[in-house]
Structure formats: C-alpha cells, structure tokens
Amino acid sequence: MAAGFDASGNVTSVLPVNFAVGDCTLFNGSTIAVTKPTANGVVFFNWHAQAFTAHTNNADIWHGTFTFKTAFGTVIGTIGPLDGARMTQINHVYSWDVPGNATFDPALFGAITQVVWRGEC
C-alpha cells in the first residue's frame, strides 16, 4: 500500500480495499499511522481498524503486521504483529485502536514509500 507523509513528517498508510483472511475481513479505510522518529529513532504508532468475522467458534482476532519499505524494497522498519479486537459475534463490525512505539532509523524514515500489510485471523 502507498504511504503518505503529512506536513510534520509523520507517515500514514490507508488500506484501499477490504482485506479478507479466512473468515475475517479488515475494512478499507483502516490505517497505520507512525510519527516522525525522535533523534534516537523512537516512533509512536496507532493502528486504527474496523473488521468483522463471518464465522467463529469462540473469538477471532485479526493479527496485523506492517512492513515499511522504500521504493526499492529496502525494509525501514516493521511493526507487529499487533492484536485487534476479540471478535466473538459474527457479522458484527468491530473497531479498535492499537497504540505503541517502535524504533526506526531516523536517517531512512523519509524514504518510506510503501507499507506491506500482513494479516492473520
């Protein structure tokens, strides 16, 4: 997925289409947002998502991993796997925010052009 920077140097990737894995679907419009790194490389992130499950025996959980890359495919950093909400009801839309921090190389952060979204459910 494409990644875009705001005026402050923070990067956001928006899921452009629904993403289905097994019985689960993560909805388009879900985002992973990462702040510009501090001098020592600390970034703060927030994964905002909406999803549902079409079948569950107990609870399905979307596990998301996000790999930030340059246009040439060089990995700048990875966030995850992160756990979404426990989806215990079928066909119910669940929303969540998962904040946290990670470390990215500040010298390479501005070269991010794409984010690979990986999902397991």
Foldseek 3Di string as FASTA:
>chain_A
DWWDADPQGKIKDWAQQWDDDDQKIKGGRWMKIWGQADPQFKIKIKTKTKMFGQDDPAWDWKFKKKFWAAPVRHTQDIDDRDTDDTHGDGPDIDIDMDMDMDGGDNVCSSRTTDMDIDIDD
